[in-house]
């Protein structure tokens, strides 16, 4: 390998690494869209981290922990069916977001996508290939506020109000 080709290969690698670092930095920026997507995935995935994506850690003005109440109701629903709560998880994909309004401290984002029952990633993949479960389109308008420098969901999007 000649000196010129080594230099060219080194330059290409350096540019690739630099671009990767720029992409990682851009992707880690906190945005209303990212917060709405994180909330939606935690909501449908029945993740315990759901409260962390909500303003006041999911506690509303009546001092009710909405996130915990929602997860508890899903736990009771699963138990009544004789399942573990993981059996009710859904994957959220084909996500599209659109900013409706935004200022320095608040934003409104319209989010839409497809949910599919997916207690684990393997089941979701197999169910998709063999058409075991049918996808369900969802749409919601989510309100967000900036709390301690991070975007958080306010209110009770989707059917969280039914849990309280």
Protein backbone atom coordinates (compact mmCIF):
# COMPACT_ATOMS: atom_id res chain seq x y z
CA UNK A 1 0.00 0.00 0.00
CA UNK A 2 1.52 3.33 -1.01
CA UNK A 3 1.85 6.36 1.22
CA UNK A 4 -0.87 8.26 -0.72
CA UNK A 5 -3.44 5.48 -0.35
CA UNK A 6 -2.71 5.19 3.39
CA UNK A 7 -3.19 8.94 3.73
CA UNK A 8 -6.47 8.82 1.77
CA UNK A 9 -7.75 5.89 3.85
CA UNK A 10 -6.83 7.73 7.06
CA UNK A 11 -8.63 10.89 5.85
CA UNK A 12 -11.78 8.93 4.98
CA UNK A 13 -11.78 7.23 8.39
CA UNK A 14 -11.25 10.56 10.16
CA UNK A 15 -14.12 12.21 8.26
CA UNK A 16 -16.36 9.21 9.01
CA UNK A 17 -15.61 9.35 12.73
CA UNK A 18 -16.16 13.11 12.78
CA UNK A 19 -19.53 12.76 11.02
CA UNK A 20 -20.56 10.04 13.45
CA UNK A 21 -19.78 12.29 16.41
CA UNK A 22 -21.79 15.12 14.88
CA UNK A 23 -24.75 12.79 14.27
CA UNK A 24 -24.65 11.47 17.84
CA UNK A 25 -24.58 15.01 19.23
CA UNK A 26 -27.50 16.06 17.03
CA UNK A 27 -29.54 12.99 17.97
CA UNK A 28 -29.07 13.47 21.71
CA UNK A 29 -30.54 16.99 21.66
CA UNK A 30 -33.72 17.24 23.75
CA UNK A 31 -36.67 18.21 21.56
CA UNK A 32 -40.46 18.15 21.97
CA UNK A 33 -40.65 15.52 19.22
CA UNK A 34 -38.16 13.29 21.02
CA UNK A 35 -40.01 13.68 24.32
CA UNK A 36 -43.37 12.86 22.69
CA UNK A 37 -41.88 9.75 21.08
CA UNK A 38 -40.20 8.64 24.32
CA UNK A 39 -43.47 9.09 26.21
CA UNK A 40 -45.48 7.19 23.60
CA UNK A 41 -43.05 4.27 23.52
CA UNK A 42 -43.05 4.09 27.34
CA UNK A 43 -46.86 4.35 27.38
CA UNK A 44 -47.48 1.53 24.92
CA UNK A 45 -44.54 -0.52 26.20
CA UNK A 46 -45.88 -0.27 29.78
CA UNK A 47 -42.45 0.84 30.99
CA UNK A 48 -41.93 1.85 34.62
CA UNK A 49 -40.01 4.89 33.27
CA UNK A 50 -43.31 6.36 32.04
CA UNK A 51 -43.44 8.82 34.95
CA UNK A 52 -40.00 10.18 34.06
CA UNK A 53 -41.32 11.35 30.68
CA UNK A 54 -44.13 13.31 32.33
CA UNK A 55 -44.11 16.69 34.06
CA UNK A 56 -44.03 16.45 37.86
CA UNK A 57 -43.10 12.76 37.43
CA UNK A 58 -46.67 11.91 36.43
CA UNK A 59 -48.37 13.50 39.45
CA UNK A 60 -51.30 15.73 38.46
CA UNK A 61 -52.71 18.78 40.24
CA UNK A 62 -54.92 16.54 42.41
CA UNK A 63 -51.79 14.79 43.75
CA UNK A 64 -52.68 11.60 41.86
CA UNK A 65 -49.80 9.70 40.29
CA UNK A 66 -51.36 9.26 36.85
CA UNK A 67 -48.50 7.18 35.44
CA UNK A 68 -48.57 4.77 38.38
CA UNK A 69 -52.38 4.53 38.25
CA UNK A 70 -52.25 3.72 34.53
CA UNK A 71 -49.61 1.01 35.00
CA UNK A 72 -51.49 -0.40 38.01
CA UNK A 73 -54.73 -0.63 36.01
CA UNK A 74 -52.87 -2.44 33.23
CA UNK A 75 -51.42 -4.80 35.84
CA UNK A 76 -54.93 -5.52 37.17
CA UNK A 77 -56.23 -6.04 33.63
CA UNK A 78 -53.45 -8.53 32.90
CA UNK A 79 -53.98 -10.32 36.21
CA UNK A 80 -57.72 -10.65 35.55
CA UNK A 81 -56.87 -12.40 32.30
CA UNK A 82 -54.31 -14.62 34.03
CA UNK A 83 -51.36 -12.90 32.30
CA UNK A 84 -48.25 -11.10 33.35
CA UNK A 85 -48.34 -7.37 32.52
CA UNK A 86 -45.69 -7.93 29.83
CA UNK A 87 -48.32 -9.74 27.74
CA UNK A 88 -50.15 -6.43 27.25
CA UNK A 89 -47.13 -4.53 25.89
CA UNK A 90 -47.35 -2.99 22.45
CA UNK A 91 -44.66 -1.80 20.10
CA UNK A 92 -45.02 1.67 18.61
CA UNK A 93 -43.63 2.11 15.10
CA UNK A 94 -44.02 4.07 11.87
CA UNK A 95 -43.96 7.19 14.02
CA UNK A 96 -44.70 10.58 12.52
CA UNK A 97 -44.64 13.84 14.44
CA UNK A 98 -45.65 17.37 13.58
CA UNK A 99 -45.23 20.49 15.67
CA UNK A 100 -48.52 22.35 16.02
CA UNK A 101 -47.26 25.11 18.34
CA UNK A 102 -44.01 25.83 20.14
CA UNK A 103 -42.45 28.54 22.26
CA UNK A 104 -39.59 28.61 24.78
CA UNK A 105 -41.43 26.74 27.55
CA UNK A 106 -44.26 24.81 25.91
CA UNK A 107 -45.05 22.88 22.77
CA UNK A 108 -47.87 20.94 21.18
CA UNK A 109 -46.95 17.95 19.02
CA UNK A 110 -49.25 15.77 16.94
CA UNK A 111 -47.97 12.20 16.92
CA UNK A 112 -49.23 9.28 14.90
CA UNK A 113 -48.02 5.75 14.37
CA UNK A 114 -48.87 2.09 14.49
CA UNK A 115 -49.13 -0.16 17.54
CA UNK A 116 -48.94 -3.92 17.57
CA UNK A 117 -49.12 -6.33 20.51
CA UNK A 118 -45.54 -7.24 21.27
CA UNK A 119 -44.75 -8.76 24.69
CA UNK A 120 -41.14 -9.13 23.48
CA UNK A 121 -39.23 -8.18 20.32
CA UNK A 122 -39.19 -11.74 18.94
CA UNK A 123 -42.97 -12.12 19.25
CA UNK A 124 -43.48 -8.76 17.55
CA UNK A 125 -41.25 -9.78 14.65
CA UNK A 126 -42.85 -13.21 14.22
CA UNK A 127 -46.37 -11.79 14.58
CA UNK A 128 -45.63 -9.25 11.87
CA UNK A 129 -44.29 -11.86 9.44
CA UNK A 130 -47.09 -14.38 9.98
CA UNK A 131 -49.90 -11.81 10.44
CA UNK A 132 -50.70 -13.13 13.93
CA UNK A 133 -51.66 -9.70 15.24
CA UNK A 134 -53.08 -6.79 13.34
CA UNK A 135 -51.59 -3.31 13.61
CA UNK A 136 -53.64 -0.47 14.99
CA UNK A 137 -53.18 3.15 13.90
CA UNK A 138 -53.08 5.72 16.69
CA UNK A 139 -53.04 9.50 16.66
CA UNK A 140 -52.80 11.94 19.52
CA UNK A 141 -51.99 15.57 20.17
CA UNK A 142 -49.57 15.83 23.07
CA UNK A 143 -48.86 18.96 25.11
CA UNK A 144 -45.38 19.40 26.53
CA UNK A 145 -43.63 21.83 28.85
CA UNK A 146 -39.98 22.43 29.55
CA UNK A 147 -39.25 21.30 33.11
CA UNK A 148 -35.71 21.64 34.48
CA UNK A 149 -34.38 22.05 30.94
CA UNK A 150 -36.09 18.90 29.59
CA UNK A 151 -39.28 18.51 27.61
CA UNK A 152 -42.00 16.64 29.55
CA UNK A 153 -45.55 15.60 28.70
CA UNK A 154 -48.41 17.28 30.53
CA UNK A 155 -51.99 16.14 30.79
CA UNK A 156 -53.20 12.61 30.15
CA UNK A 157 -52.68 11.69 26.50
CA UNK A 158 -54.15 8.62 24.85
CA UNK A 159 -56.50 6.93 27.35
CA UNK A 160 -54.62 7.71 30.57
CA UNK A 161 -57.62 9.63 31.92
CA UNK A 162 -59.49 6.32 32.13
CA UNK A 163 -56.91 5.04 34.62
CA UNK A 164 -57.54 7.70 37.24
